[in-house]
Amino acid sequence: MSRSAPPPSARLPLLRKLGIVRDGAPAHAAPRPPRGARVASLTRVRPRRPRLRTIVVALLATALLVAGWFWLRDSSLVGVRTVTVTGLNGGQAQEIERALDNAGRSMTTLHVRRDALDSAVAPFSIVKRIEVTTDFPHGMRVHVVSNVAVGAVELDGRRTPVTADGTLLRDVAAADTLPLVPLHGTPTGSRLNEGEAIAAFAVLGAAPTAFRHRVERVATTRAHGLELQLRDGPALWFGDRERLTAKWAAVAAVLADPQAAGAAYVDVAAPERPAVGGLPDGAPATSESDDPDLPDGATVDPQSGALLDLGADDSSSSTDTATPDPTAETTP
C-alpha cells in the first residue's frame, strides 16, 4: 500500500527547522526594500518632463509681461507732469529751469532720458552737472550743481569768469569783485591751457571765500612764484601751487596777528614758517614766526583756513568770522 505525500502546510515546520524557509520565504532570498525607497528609486530613474504646452504658455506669458512693461514705461499714465528744479540762482536761472521743464515733460517717471536733459543744459556753461530723481507717478526733481567762478580773465575786452579748474564761463557776466588773472594768449576752447593761469586759479579755488573776495589780482613772478595782491592789504607770496590749504591757513593766522598790521607782504611759501615784511614805524624789515600768535579766543580752521572767533556770539560768528566752504557750488 503506497503512502501519500504530506500537504505543503505540513512540510513548513520541517523546512523551518532545517533553515530552508524563513517566514514563508526561502532563506537565501534577498530582503525586500521598503516601499518608500522603491517609489523614490522609480522617481529618480524616470523624471517627468514638462509638457510642450506648458513651455509654450510660459513663453507667451513672459513675452506679454515684457511687452506690457515697455508699453507702461512710455505711457502717459506715468508721464512727467511736474518738474522741480533746485540749486539755481543768478541771471540764467529762469532760462535753465525752462529748458529742463520742457525736456522733463517729454519723459515718464519710468523712462528718464538723461542724455536729453544733459543736452537741454549744455548751452549754459554755469551748469556743472545735474542730479535727477523721479517721484512716481508724475514728478521729477532736478538739482543743478553750478560751476563756481573764482576769478576772471579778459577776453576781447570783456571780463570772463573762470572756475578753479580753468573752465571758462563765456556766457556769464563776471562780477567786479572777481580777481583778474593775466593771460599771455587767447584760449580757443572751453578751458584755459596756460600753466601759470591754471595755477593761479587753483590758488583762488583753495582760498576761503572771505579772502578770495579781497584778492585784486594774481600774477606769477620769478622771485616769489604765485603772488596775490589783497585789496587794502599786503601781497601774498605763495611760491608754487603745493599745500594750498596750509598756506591759506598760515595767511589767516598772520593777518589775525595785530603785530602784522600794515605789512607790505606775507610770505607763506613755507607755511610752517610764514614771513612778514615791510612793517611800518621802524619795525624790522622782515620777521619770522614758527607759530604765529592769534588773538585771544580765536583759532584757525585747518581745513578752510578761516579765522574762527570762539569767544564771539554764535549769531555774529556765523556772519562775521565764519568762512563758507570754498568748494561750495553756487552760481556767482
C-alpha atoms as a PDB file:
ATOM      1  CA  MET A   1       0.000   0.000   0.000  1.00  0.00           C
ATOM      2  CA  SER A   2       1.602   3.334  -1.159  1.00  0.00           C
ATOM      3  CA  ARG A   3       1.997   6.257   1.229  1.00  0.00           C
ATOM      4  CA  SER A   4       0.608   9.700   0.032  1.00  0.00           C
ATOM      5  CA  ALA A   5       2.825  12.853   0.209  1.00  0.00           C
ATOM      6  CA  PRO A   6       2.042  15.215   3.098  1.00  0.00           C
ATOM      7  CA  PRO A   7       0.414  18.531   2.151  1.00  0.00           C
ATOM      8  CA  PRO A   8       2.669  21.656   1.807  1.00  0.00           C
ATOM      9  CA  SER A   9       1.378  23.112   5.044  1.00  0.00           C
ATOM     10  CA  ALA A  10       2.574  20.033   6.904  1.00  0.00           C
ATOM     11  CA  ARG A  11       6.086  20.378   5.464  1.00  0.00           C
ATOM     12  CA  LEU A  12       6.631  24.042   6.579  1.00  0.00           C
ATOM     13  CA  PRO A  13       7.611  23.266  10.199  1.00  0.00           C
ATOM     14  CA  LEU A  14      10.207  20.790   8.985  1.00  0.00           C
ATOM     15  CA  LEU A  15      11.591  23.244   6.405  1.00  0.00           C
ATOM     16  CA  ARG A  16      11.853  25.976   9.038  1.00  0.00           C
ATOM     17  CA  LYS A  17      13.814  23.660  11.334  1.00  0.00           C
ATOM     18  CA  LEU A  18      16.202  22.828   8.503  1.00  0.00           C
ATOM     19  CA  GLY A  19      16.712  26.569   7.733  1.00  0.00           C
ATOM     20  CA  ILE A  20      15.377  26.238   4.224  1.00  0.00           C
ATOM     21  CA  VAL A  21      12.388  28.527   4.728  1.00  0.00           C
ATOM     22  CA  ARG A  22      12.063  31.614   6.956  1.00  0.00           C
ATOM     23  CA  ASP A  23       8.613  33.098   7.485  1.00  0.00           C
ATOM     24  CA  GLY A  24       7.269  31.588   4.329  1.00  0.00           C
ATOM     25  CA  ALA A  25      10.157  32.672   2.019  1.00  0.00           C
ATOM     26  CA  PRO A  26      13.358  30.840   1.010  1.00  0.00           C
ATOM     27  CA  ALA A  27      16.275  31.521   3.354  1.00  0.00           C
ATOM     28  CA  HIS A  28      18.530  32.643   0.506  1.00  0.00           C
ATOM     29  CA  ALA A  29      16.061  35.300  -0.830  1.00  0.00           C
ATOM     30  CA  ALA A  30      17.219  38.935  -0.546  1.00  0.00           C
ATOM     31  CA  PRO A  31      15.243  41.228   1.820  1.00  0.00           C
ATOM     32  CA  ARG A  32      12.670  43.390   0.105  1.00  0.00           C
ATOM     33  CA  PRO A  33      13.365  47.177   0.206  1.00  0.00           C
ATOM     34  CA  PRO A  34      10.866  49.401   1.973  1.00  0.00           C
ATOM     35  CA  ARG A  35       8.004  50.634  -0.135  1.00  0.00           C
ATOM     36  CA  GLY A  36       9.008  54.305   0.096  1.00  0.00           C
ATOM     37  CA  ALA A  37      12.520  53.507  -1.097  1.00  0.00           C
ATOM     38  CA  ARG A  38      11.152  51.749  -4.178  1.00  0.00           C
ATOM     39  CA  VAL A  39       8.981  54.757  -5.062  1.00  0.00           C
ATOM     40  CA  ALA A  40      11.941  57.172  -4.683  1.00  0.00           C
ATOM     41  CA  SER A  41      14.100  54.932  -6.824  1.00  0.00           C
ATOM     42  CA  LEU A  42      11.499  54.847  -9.568  1.00  0.00           C
ATOM     43  CA  THR A  43      11.149  58.661  -9.404  1.00  0.00           C
ATOM     44  CA  ARG A  44      14.882  59.215  -9.892  1.00  0.00           C
ATOM     45  CA  VAL A  45      15.067  56.855 -12.746  1.00  0.00           C
ATOM     46  CA  ARG A  46      12.133  58.331 -14.640  1.00  0.00           C
ATOM     47  CA  PRO A  47      11.889  62.155 -14.129  1.00  0.00           C
ATOM     48  CA  ARG A  48       8.840  63.829 -15.533  1.00  0.00           C
ATOM     49  CA  ARG A  49       9.489  66.206 -18.417  1.00  0.00           C
ATOM     50  CA  PRO A  50       7.467  69.431 -18.799  1.00  0.00           C
ATOM     51  CA  ARG A  51       4.865  69.205 -21.463  1.00  0.00           C
ATOM     52  CA  LEU A  52       5.251  71.229 -24.636  1.00  0.00           C
ATOM     53  CA  ARG A  53       2.022  73.085 -23.871  1.00  0.00           C
ATOM     54  CA  THR A  54       3.401  74.221 -20.504  1.00  0.00           C
ATOM     55  CA  ILE A  55       6.572  75.589 -22.122  1.00  0.00           C
ATOM     56  CA  VAL A  56       4.591  77.469 -24.772  1.00  0.00           C
ATOM     57  CA  VAL A  57       2.293  79.032 -22.159  1.00  0.00           C
ATOM     58  CA  ALA A  58       5.283  80.166 -20.038  1.00  0.00           C
ATOM     59  CA  LEU A  59       6.985  81.771 -23.054  1.00  0.00           C
ATOM     60  CA  LEU A  60       3.814  83.587 -24.068  1.00  0.00           C
ATOM     61  CA  ALA A  61       3.310  84.897 -20.516  1.00  0.00           C
ATOM     62  CA  THR A  62       6.892  86.189 -20.397  1.00  0.00           C
ATOM     63  CA  ALA A  63       6.523  87.920 -23.759  1.00  0.00           C
ATOM     64  CA  LEU A  64       3.296  89.579 -22.630  1.00  0.00           C
ATOM     65  CA  LEU A  65       4.927  90.832 -19.418  1.00  0.00           C
ATOM     66  CA  VAL A  66       7.888  92.326 -21.305  1.00  0.00           C
ATOM     67  CA  ALA A  67       5.630  93.988 -23.866  1.00  0.00           C
ATOM     68  CA  GLY A  68       3.421  95.336 -21.091  1.00  0.00           C
ATOM     69  CA  TRP A  69       6.435  96.830 -19.282  1.00  0.00           C
ATOM     70  CA  PHE A  70       7.666  98.651 -22.404  1.00  0.00           C
ATOM     71  CA  TRP A  71       4.181  99.963 -23.032  1.00  0.00           C
ATOM     72  CA  LEU A  72       3.745 101.161 -19.435  1.00  0.00           C
ATOM     73  CA  ARG A  73       7.142 102.874 -19.081  1.00  0.00           C
ATOM     74  CA  ASP A  74       6.364 105.184 -22.033  1.00  0.00           C
ATOM     75  CA  SER A  75       2.660 105.530 -21.272  1.00  0.00           C
ATOM     76  CA  SER A  76       1.004 108.809 -20.314  1.00  0.00           C
ATOM     77  CA  LEU A  77      -0.198 107.013 -17.195  1.00  0.00           C
ATOM     78  CA  VAL A  78       3.262 107.652 -15.724  1.00  0.00           C
ATOM     79  CA  GLY A  79       4.152 110.779 -17.725  1.00  0.00           C
ATOM     80  CA  VAL A  80       6.056 113.607 -16.035  1.00  0.00           C
ATOM     81  CA  ARG A  81       3.726 116.496 -15.250  1.00  0.00           C
ATOM     82  CA  THR A  82       5.740 118.421 -12.660  1.00  0.00           C
ATOM     83  CA  VAL A  83       9.461 119.266 -12.909  1.00  0.00           C
ATOM     84  CA  THR A  84      11.028 120.788  -9.780  1.00  0.00           C
ATOM     85  CA  VAL A  85      14.423 122.443 -10.330  1.00  0.00           C
ATOM     86  CA  THR A  86      16.668 123.351  -7.395  1.00  0.00           C
ATOM     87  CA  GLY A  87      20.155 124.800  -6.930  1.00  0.00           C
ATOM     88  CA  LEU A  88      19.736 127.729  -9.306  1.00  0.00           C
ATOM     89  CA  ASN A  89      20.129 131.461  -8.850  1.00  0.00           C
ATOM     90  CA  GLY A  90      21.502 134.283 -10.933  1.00  0.00           C
ATOM     91  CA  GLY A  91      20.574 135.717 -14.293  1.00  0.00           C
ATOM     92  CA  GLN A  92      20.295 132.414 -16.180  1.00  0.00           C
ATOM     93  CA  ALA A  93      18.163 130.609 -13.592  1.00  0.00           C
ATOM     94  CA  GLN A  94      14.844 131.066 -15.410  1.00  0.00           C
ATOM     95  CA  GLU A  95      16.247 130.004 -18.781  1.00  0.00           C
ATOM     96  CA  ILE A  96      17.817 126.856 -17.345  1.00  0.00           C
ATOM     97  CA  GLU A  97      14.659 125.985 -15.433  1.00  0.00           C
ATOM     98  CA  ARG A  98      12.545 126.435 -18.564  1.00  0.00           C
ATOM     99  CA  ALA A  99      14.850 124.214 -20.623  1.00  0.00           C
ATOM    100  CA  LEU A 100      14.766 121.431 -18.012  1.00  0.00           C
ATOM    101  CA  ASP A 101      10.988 121.706 -17.649  1.00  0.00           C
ATOM    102  CA  ASN A 102      10.432 121.305 -21.386  1.00  0.00           C
ATOM    103  CA  ALA A 103      12.793 118.340 -21.603  1.00  0.00           C
ATOM    104  CA  GLY A 104      11.411 116.647 -18.484  1.00  0.00           C
ATOM    105  CA  ARG A 105       7.787 116.832 -19.572  1.00  0.00           C
ATOM    106  CA  SER A 106       8.588 114.775 -22.662  1.00  0.00           C
ATOM    107  CA  MET A 107       9.557 111.817 -20.445  1.00  0.00           C
ATOM    108  CA  THR A 108       7.931 109.453 -17.954  1.00  0.00           C
ATOM    109  CA  THR A 109       8.929 108.632 -14.402  1.00  0.00           C
ATOM    110  CA  LEU A 110       9.783 105.105 -15.569  1.00  0.00           C
ATOM    111  CA  HIS A 111      11.881 106.211 -18.546  1.00  0.00           C
ATOM    112  CA  VAL A 112      14.177 109.167 -17.856  1.00  0.00           C
ATOM    113  CA  ARG A 113      16.353 110.055 -20.830  1.00  0.00           C
ATOM    114  CA  ARG A 114      19.410 111.531 -19.167  1.00  0.00           C
ATOM    115  CA  ASP A 115      21.060 112.449 -22.459  1.00  0.00           C
ATOM    116  CA  ALA A 116      18.104 114.691 -23.350  1.00  0.00           C
ATOM    117  CA  LEU A 117      18.329 116.510 -20.019  1.00  0.00           C
ATOM    118  CA  ASP A 118      22.093 116.981 -20.415  1.00  0.00           C
ATOM    119  CA  SER A 119      21.550 118.363 -23.908  1.00  0.00           C
ATOM    120  CA  ALA A 120      18.969 120.824 -22.547  1.00  0.00           C
ATOM    121  CA  VAL A 121      21.532 122.441 -20.218  1.00  0.00           C
ATOM    122  CA  ALA A 122      24.570 122.063 -22.497  1.00  0.00           C
ATOM    123  CA  PRO A 123      24.337 125.681 -23.785  1.00  0.00           C
ATOM    124  CA  PHE A 124      24.733 127.003 -20.219  1.00  0.00           C
ATOM    125  CA  SER A 125      28.348 126.895 -19.065  1.00  0.00           C
ATOM    126  CA  ILE A 126      27.320 127.709 -15.497  1.00  0.00           C
ATOM    127  CA  VAL A 127      25.854 124.185 -15.166  1.00  0.00           C
ATOM    128  CA  LYS A 128      28.474 121.730 -13.974  1.00  0.00           C
ATOM    129  CA  ARG A 129      26.180 118.700 -13.740  1.00  0.00           C
ATOM    130  CA  ILE A 130      22.598 117.745 -12.888  1.00  0.00           C
ATOM    131  CA  GLU A 131      21.213 115.172 -10.459  1.00  0.00           C
ATOM    132  CA  VAL A 132      17.832 113.678 -11.416  1.00  0.00           C
ATOM    133  CA  THR A 133      15.306 111.766  -9.309  1.00  0.00           C
ATOM    134  CA  THR A 134      11.688 110.840 -10.050  1.00  0.00           C
ATOM    135  CA  ASP A 135       8.602 110.852  -7.857  1.00  0.00           C
ATOM    136  CA  PHE A 136       6.225 108.174  -9.157  1.00  0.00           C
ATOM    137  CA  PRO A 137       3.870 108.560 -10.917  1.00  0.00           C
ATOM    138  CA  HIS A 138       4.171 112.146 -12.276  1.00  0.00           C
ATOM    139  CA  GLY A 139       7.001 114.043 -10.538  1.00  0.00           C
ATOM    140  CA  MET A 140      10.631 114.765 -11.450  1.00  0.00           C
ATOM    141  CA  ARG A 141      13.258 116.612  -9.409  1.00  0.00           C
ATOM    142  CA  VAL A 142      16.404 118.088 -10.976  1.00  0.00           C
ATOM    143  CA  HIS A 143      19.159 119.524  -8.798  1.00  0.00           C
ATOM    144  CA  VAL A 144      21.631 121.721 -10.673  1.00  0.00           C
ATOM    145  CA  VAL A 145      25.231 121.777  -9.466  1.00  0.00           C
ATOM    146  CA  SER A 146      26.755 125.028 -10.661  1.00  0.00           C
ATOM    147  CA  ASN A 147      30.265 125.935 -11.681  1.00  0.00           C
ATOM    148  CA  VAL A 148      31.785 128.457  -9.262  1.00  0.00           C
ATOM    149  CA  ALA A 149      33.717 131.386 -10.678  1.00  0.00           C
ATOM    150  CA  VAL A 150      36.787 132.147  -8.539  1.00  0.00           C
ATOM    151  CA  GLY A 151      38.425 134.685 -10.828  1.00  0.00           C
ATOM    152  CA  ALA A 152      38.263 136.290 -14.239  1.00  0.00           C
ATOM    153  CA  VAL A 153      40.312 136.794 -17.383  1.00  0.00           C
ATOM    154  CA  GLU A 154      39.980 139.464 -20.022  1.00  0.00           C
ATOM    155  CA  LEU A 155      38.923 138.170 -23.444  1.00  0.00           C
ATOM    156  CA  ASP A 156      38.163 140.542 -26.318  1.00  0.00           C
ATOM    157  CA  GLY A 157      37.880 143.451 -23.902  1.00  0.00           C
ATOM    158  CA  ARG A 158      35.381 141.648 -21.689  1.00  0.00           C
ATOM    159  CA  ARG A 159      35.898 140.120 -18.254  1.00  0.00           C
ATOM    160  CA  THR A 160      35.078 136.403 -18.413  1.00  0.00           C
ATOM    161  CA  PRO A 161      34.625 134.378 -15.205  1.00  0.00           C
ATOM    162  CA  VAL A 162      36.703 131.231 -14.719  1.00  0.00           C
ATOM    163  CA  THR A 163      36.328 128.293 -12.305  1.00  0.00           C
ATOM    164  CA  ALA A 164      39.036 126.740 -10.124  1.00  0.00           C
ATOM    165  CA  ASP A 165      39.753 124.054 -12.739  1.00  0.00           C
ATOM    166  CA  GLY A 166      40.156 126.626 -15.539  1.00  0.00           C
ATOM    167  CA  THR A 167      36.700 126.295 -17.132  1.00  0.00           C
ATOM    168  CA  LEU A 168      35.672 129.453 -18.993  1.00  0.00           C
ATOM    169  CA  LEU A 169      32.118 130.635 -18.316  1.00  0.00           C
ATOM    170  CA  ARG A 170      31.798 132.585 -21.546  1.00  0.00           C
ATOM    171  CA  ASP A 171      28.030 133.151 -21.334  1.00  0.00           C
ATOM    172  CA  VAL A 172      28.132 134.542 -17.774  1.00  0.00           C
ATOM    173  CA  ALA A 173      28.958 138.101 -16.735  1.00  0.00           C
ATOM    174  CA  ALA A 174      31.917 138.337 -14.348  1.00  0.00           C
ATOM    175  CA  ALA A 175      31.347 140.096 -11.041  1.00  0.00           C
ATOM    176  CA  ASP A 176      33.504 143.148 -10.390  1.00  0.00           C
ATOM    177  CA  THR A 177      34.806 141.567  -7.182  1.00  0.00           C
ATOM    178  CA  LEU A 178      36.431 138.629  -9.000  1.00  0.00           C
ATOM    179  CA  PRO A 179      40.253 138.943  -9.136  1.00  0.00           C
ATOM    180  CA  LEU A 180      41.767 139.332 -12.586  1.00  0.00           C
ATOM    181  CA  VAL A 181      44.363 136.845 -13.831  1.00  0.00           C
ATOM    182  CA  PRO A 182      46.528 137.895 -16.820  1.00  0.00           C
ATOM    183  CA  LEU A 183      46.852 135.706 -19.907  1.00  0.00           C
ATOM    184  CA  HIS A 184      49.656 135.550 -22.497  1.00  0.00           C
ATOM    185  CA  GLY A 185      47.364 134.309 -25.261  1.00  0.00           C
ATOM    186  CA  THR A 186      43.710 133.831 -26.138  1.00  0.00           C
ATOM    187  CA  PRO A 187      42.191 130.417 -25.281  1.00  0.00           C
ATOM    188  CA  THR A 188      40.115 128.861 -28.042  1.00  0.00           C
ATOM    189  CA  GLY A 189      38.391 126.060 -26.150  1.00  0.00           C
ATOM    190  CA  SER A 190      36.238 125.870 -23.058  1.00  0.00           C
ATOM    191  CA  ARG A 191      39.253 125.667 -20.708  1.00  0.00           C
ATOM    192  CA  LEU A 192      42.443 127.549 -20.090  1.00  0.00           C
ATOM    193  CA  ASN A 193      45.642 125.936 -21.323  1.00  0.00           C
ATOM    194  CA  GLU A 194      48.313 128.205 -19.828  1.00  0.00           C
ATOM    195  CA  GLY A 195      50.145 126.657 -16.890  1.00  0.00           C
ATOM    196  CA  GLU A 196      50.617 129.903 -14.957  1.00  0.00           C
ATOM    197  CA  ALA A 197      46.950 130.854 -15.269  1.00  0.00           C
ATOM    198  CA  ILE A 198      45.791 127.363 -14.282  1.00  0.00           C
ATOM    199  CA  ALA A 199      47.991 127.525 -11.150  1.00  0.00           C
ATOM    200  CA  ALA A 200      46.605 130.975 -10.289  1.00  0.00           C
ATOM    201  CA  PHE A 201      43.013 129.771 -10.438  1.00  0.00           C
ATOM    202  CA  ALA A 202      43.920 126.711  -8.355  1.00  0.00           C
ATOM    203  CA  VAL A 203      45.178 129.081  -5.622  1.00  0.00           C
ATOM    204  CA  LEU A 204      41.976 131.122  -5.819  1.00  0.00           C
ATOM    205  CA  GLY A 205      39.848 127.987  -5.694  1.00  0.00           C
ATOM    206  CA  ALA A 206      41.546 126.881  -2.474  1.00  0.00           C
ATOM    207  CA  ALA A 207      41.066 130.278  -0.816  1.00  0.00           C
ATOM    208  CA  PRO A 208      38.434 130.858   1.875  1.00  0.00           C
ATOM    209  CA  THR A 209      35.635 132.930   0.392  1.00  0.00           C
ATOM    210  CA  ALA A 210      36.376 135.912   2.643  1.00  0.00           C
ATOM    211  CA  PHE A 211      39.953 136.127   1.358  1.00  0.00           C
ATOM    212  CA  ARG A 212      39.066 135.392  -2.246  1.00  0.00           C
ATOM    213  CA  HIS A 213      36.823 138.446  -2.378  1.00  0.00           C
ATOM    214  CA  ARG A 214      39.734 140.589  -1.169  1.00  0.00           C
ATOM    215  CA  VAL A 215      42.156 139.479  -3.905  1.00  0.00           C
ATOM    216  CA  GLU A 216      42.570 142.133  -6.582  1.00  0.00           C
ATOM    217  CA  ARG A 217      44.905 140.328  -8.955  1.00  0.00           C
ATOM    218  CA  VAL A 218      47.146 137.298  -9.276  1.00  0.00           C
ATOM    219  CA  ALA A 219      50.489 137.123 -11.068  1.00  0.00           C
ATOM    220  CA  THR A 220      53.435 134.769 -11.363  1.00  0.00           C
ATOM    221  CA  THR A 221      56.888 136.246 -10.746  1.00  0.00           C
ATOM    222  CA  ARG A 222      60.338 134.690 -10.840  1.00  0.00           C
ATOM    223  CA  ALA A 223      61.182 135.984  -7.381  1.00  0.00           C
ATOM    224  CA  HIS A 224      58.077 134.875  -5.466  1.00  0.00           C
ATOM    225  CA  GLY A 225      56.176 132.477  -7.702  1.00  0.00           C
ATOM    226  CA  LEU A 226      52.432 132.932  -7.307  1.00  0.00           C
ATOM    227  CA  GLU A 227      51.795 136.409  -5.937  1.00  0.00           C
ATOM    228  CA  LEU A 228      48.366 137.652  -4.875  1.00  0.00           C
ATOM    229  CA  GLN A 229      47.622 141.270  -4.066  1.00  0.00           C
ATOM    230  CA  LEU A 230      44.941 141.835  -1.438  1.00  0.00           C
ATOM    231  CA  ARG A 231      42.659 144.837  -1.651  1.00  0.00           C
ATOM    232  CA  ASP A 232      43.736 147.257   1.109  1.00  0.00           C
ATOM    233  CA  GLY A 233      46.196 144.659   2.326  1.00  0.00           C
ATOM    234  CA  PRO A 234      49.594 143.073   1.765  1.00  0.00           C
ATOM    235  CA  ALA A 235      50.857 140.965  -1.100  1.00  0.00           C
ATOM    236  CA  LEU A 236      50.774 137.210  -0.525  1.00  0.00           C
ATOM    237  CA  TRP A 237      53.730 135.186  -1.779  1.00  0.00           C
ATOM    238  CA  PHE A 238      52.691 131.559  -2.309  1.00  0.00           C
ATOM    239  CA  GLY A 239      55.609 130.162  -4.263  1.00  0.00           C
ATOM    240  CA  ASP A 240      54.246 127.070  -6.030  1.00  0.00           C
ATOM    241  CA  ARG A 241      50.736 125.579  -6.004  1.00  0.00           C
ATOM    242  CA  GLU A 242      51.506 122.849  -3.471  1.00  0.00           C
ATOM    243  CA  ARG A 243      49.969 122.681   0.042  1.00  0.00           C
ATOM    244  CA  LEU A 244      47.487 125.427  -0.710  1.00  0.00           C
ATOM    245  CA  THR A 245      45.219 124.705   2.251  1.00  0.00           C
ATOM    246  CA  ALA A 246      48.122 125.006   4.698  1.00  0.00           C
ATOM    247  CA  LYS A 247      49.304 128.217   3.042  1.00  0.00           C
ATOM    248  CA  TRP A 248      45.885 129.876   3.296  1.00  0.00           C
ATOM    249  CA  ALA A 249      45.689 128.813   6.948  1.00  0.00           C
ATOM    250  CA  ALA A 250      49.064 130.497   7.527  1.00  0.00           C
ATOM    251  CA  VAL A 251      47.801 133.661   5.811  1.00  0.00           C
ATOM    252  CA  ALA A 252      44.748 133.737   8.079  1.00  0.00           C
ATOM    253  CA  ALA A 253      46.908 133.294  11.176  1.00  0.00           C
ATOM    254  CA  VAL A 254      49.365 136.050  10.225  1.00  0.00           C
ATOM    255  CA  LEU A 255      46.690 138.590   9.271  1.00  0.00           C
ATOM    256  CA  ALA A 256      44.893 137.921  12.555  1.00  0.00           C
ATOM    257  CA  ASP A 257      48.008 138.987  14.466  1.00  0.00           C
ATOM    258  CA  PRO A 258      47.870 142.731  15.358  1.00  0.00           C
ATOM    259  CA  GLN A 259      51.677 142.880  15.157  1.00  0.00           C
ATOM    260  CA  ALA A 260      51.457 142.135  11.432  1.00  0.00           C
ATOM    261  CA  ALA A 261      49.200 145.127  10.737  1.00  0.00           C
ATOM    262  CA  GLY A 262      50.472 147.276   7.896  1.00  0.00           C
ATOM    263  CA  ALA A 263      52.840 144.635   6.489  1.00  0.00           C
ATOM    264  CA  ALA A 264      53.773 145.004   2.837  1.00  0.00           C
ATOM    265  CA  TYR A 265      53.856 141.267   2.162  1.00  0.00           C
ATOM    266  CA  VAL A 266      53.287 137.855   3.755  1.00  0.00           C
ATOM    267  CA  ASP A 267      55.498 135.029   2.519  1.00  0.00           C
ATOM    268  CA  VAL A 268      53.818 131.609   3.004  1.00  0.00           C
ATOM    269  CA  ALA A 269      55.911 129.611   0.542  1.00  0.00           C
ATOM    270  CA  ALA A 270      56.855 127.552   3.623  1.00  0.00           C
ATOM    271  CA  PRO A 271      53.535 127.608   5.523  1.00  0.00           C
ATOM    272  CA  GLU A 272      55.035 126.245   8.739  1.00  0.00           C
ATOM    273  CA  ARG A 273      57.366 129.305   8.842  1.00  0.00           C
ATOM    274  CA  PRO A 274      55.462 132.283   7.385  1.00  0.00           C
ATOM    275  CA  ALA A 275      57.447 135.515   6.988  1.00  0.00           C
ATOM    276  CA  VAL A 276      56.170 139.082   7.205  1.00  0.00           C
ATOM    277  CA  GLY A 277      57.980 142.054   5.682  1.00  0.00           C
ATOM    278  CA  GLY A 278      57.674 145.790   5.146  1.00  0.00           C
ATOM    279  CA  LEU A 279      56.280 146.583   8.598  1.00  0.00           C
ATOM    280  CA  PRO A 280      55.824 150.329   9.285  1.00  0.00           C
ATOM    281  CA  ASP A 281      57.043 152.594  12.103  1.00  0.00           C
ATOM    282  CA  GLY A 282      60.605 151.373  12.227  1.00  0.00           C
ATOM    283  CA  ALA A 283      59.709 147.723  12.688  1.00  0.00           C
ATOM    284  CA  PRO A 284      62.194 145.156  11.362  1.00  0.00           C
ATOM    285  CA  ALA A 285      62.136 144.773   7.609  1.00  0.00           C
ATOM    286  CA  THR A 286      61.336 141.085   7.957  1.00  0.00           C
ATOM    287  CA  SER A 287      60.239 138.808  10.763  1.00  0.00           C
ATOM    288  CA  GLU A 288      59.589 135.106  11.058  1.00  0.00           C
ATOM    289  CA  SER A 289      57.487 133.006  13.384  1.00  0.00           C
ATOM    290  CA  ASP A 290      57.223 129.229  13.669  1.00  0.00           C
ATOM    291  CA  ASP A 291      53.773 129.552  15.229  1.00  0.00           C
ATOM    292  CA  PRO A 292      52.008 132.873  14.570  1.00  0.00           C
ATOM    293  CA  ASP A 293      50.061 134.126  17.585  1.00  0.00           C
ATOM    294  CA  LEU A 294      46.290 134.512  17.252  1.00  0.00           C
ATOM    295  CA  PRO A 295      44.049 136.907  19.177  1.00  0.00           C
ATOM    296  CA  ASP A 296      42.645 135.627  22.455  1.00  0.00           C
ATOM    297  CA  GLY A 297      39.791 133.183  21.939  1.00  0.00           C
ATOM    298  CA  ALA A 298      40.443 132.834  18.190  1.00  0.00           C
ATOM    299  CA  THR A 299      41.623 129.890  16.154  1.00  0.00           C
ATOM    300  CA  VAL A 300      42.076 128.913  12.512  1.00  0.00           C
ATOM    301  CA  ASP A 301      40.109 126.192  10.793  1.00  0.00           C
ATOM    302  CA  PRO A 302      42.826 123.823   9.426  1.00  0.00           C
ATOM    303  CA  GLN A 303      40.647 122.744   6.510  1.00  0.00           C
ATOM    304  CA  SER A 304      39.446 126.088   5.133  1.00  0.00           C
ATOM    305  CA  GLY A 305      41.957 128.449   6.685  1.00  0.00           C
ATOM    306  CA  ALA A 306      39.094 130.512   8.098  1.00  0.00           C
ATOM    307  CA  LEU A 307      39.566 132.557  11.253  1.00  0.00           C
ATOM    308  CA  LEU A 308      37.138 131.345  13.918  1.00  0.00           C
ATOM    309  CA  ASP A 309      36.368 133.561  16.922  1.00  0.00           C
ATOM    310  CA  LEU A 310      35.449 131.088  19.646  1.00  0.00           C
ATOM    311  CA  GLY A 311      34.534 133.766  22.140  1.00  0.00           C
ATOM    312  CA  ALA A 312      32.005 135.533  19.926  1.00  0.00           C
ATOM    313  CA  ASP A 313      28.267 135.040  19.940  1.00  0.00           C
ATOM    314  CA  ASP A 314      27.027 132.250  17.636  1.00  0.00           C
ATOM    315  CA  SER A 315      24.960 134.575  15.509  1.00  0.00           C
ATOM    316  CA  SER A 316      27.770 137.062  14.963  1.00  0.00           C
ATOM    317  CA  SER A 317      30.421 134.414  14.331  1.00  0.00           C
ATOM    318  CA  SER A 318      28.353 132.864  11.591  1.00  0.00           C
ATOM    319  CA  THR A 319      28.185 136.137   9.695  1.00  0.00           C
ATOM    320  CA  ASP A 320      31.400 137.948  10.618  1.00  0.00           C
ATOM    321  CA  THR A 321      34.132 135.369  11.132  1.00  0.00           C
ATOM    322  CA  ALA A 322      32.994 132.005   9.866  1.00  0.00           C
ATOM    323  CA  THR A 323      34.095 131.409   6.304  1.00  0.00           C
ATOM    324  CA  PRO A 324      31.942 129.261   3.995  1.00  0.00           C
ATOM    325  CA  ASP A 325      33.295 126.135   2.395  1.00  0.00           C
ATOM    326  CA  PRO A 326      35.389 127.301  -0.586  1.00  0.00           C
ATOM    327  CA  THR A 327      34.249 124.299  -2.610  1.00  0.00           C
ATOM    328  CA  ALA A 328      30.558 125.070  -2.183  1.00  0.00           C
ATOM    329  CA  GLU A 329      28.990 125.073  -5.622  1.00  0.00           C
ATOM    330  CA  THR A 330      26.684 128.028  -6.044  1.00  0.00           C
ATOM    331  CA  THR A 331      26.050 130.265  -9.011  1.00  0.00           C
ATOM    332  CA  PRO A 332      28.064 133.501  -8.867  1.00  0.00           C
END
